[in-house]
Every structure is written in structure tokens, then in C-alpha cells.
Amino acid sequence: RFQNMPASQSGTLDFALPALAAPLTVANSRFYSFNVGLVHFIAIDTEVFFSGNEALLAKRQLAWLRADLTRAAASRVERPWIVAFGHRPLFCSVTHDECEEDGRLLQQRLA
């Protein structure tokens, strides 16, 4: 299975979800979550924080993320792992000005 998530170059990034028996059904394809075994996965749209014209979507995503994390926290016995991912990194393993600046911005916006 494949799902899409927003990316800066082409608009989407495909990634495989081989453990899912059926495709995901999500209310908003730009951010969503799903469970596989002991893991709750959260896909966020990092691009909304870098576009000046998507402030409303960024606000909606943050409200959704808080609610999703609250639900996930209530299920920690069943699913102890929570993995969040997006196109741009929160932290960089190399020294690169753009990567570090993007990471700092995301950390601030997601706090």
C-alpha cells in the first residue's frame, strides 16, 4: 500500500505501508494517523508552516494533532509507541543552515 504526504518539491511524497491490509481512510489527506501493531503513526504536513497562505490549515492541523495525541496517550498500554513524521525534519544530524533553521521553526510551531 502507498499513502501520500505533502512535500516541498513535487507536492507529495509516497511511502509504503506493507503491514496494512486495507488502504487508509482519512478525513484530511494532508495530516492523519493510523495504527499498526504496537505503533500509532502520525503523519503531519510540515509544509503548512513554511507557506504564508496556509495559516488556517496549520491551526487546524495543530488542533487535530493535540486531539490525536490525547487519544494516543490514552491507548499507551495497547500501543506504547507513537511515531510522528513529516517531510521536513525537526532535528538534523548534519550541520546545514537550512535544515537547522527549518528544524527550529518546526519545533517552535509544534510546541
Foldseek 3Di string as FASTA:
>chain_A
DWAWEQDDPPGIDIDDDVQDPDDDDDPDSHWDWDDGFQEIETEHELCLLVDPPNPVVLVVRLVVVVVVVVVVVVCCVRRVHYHYDYHQDLDDPDDDVVNPVSNVSVVVSND
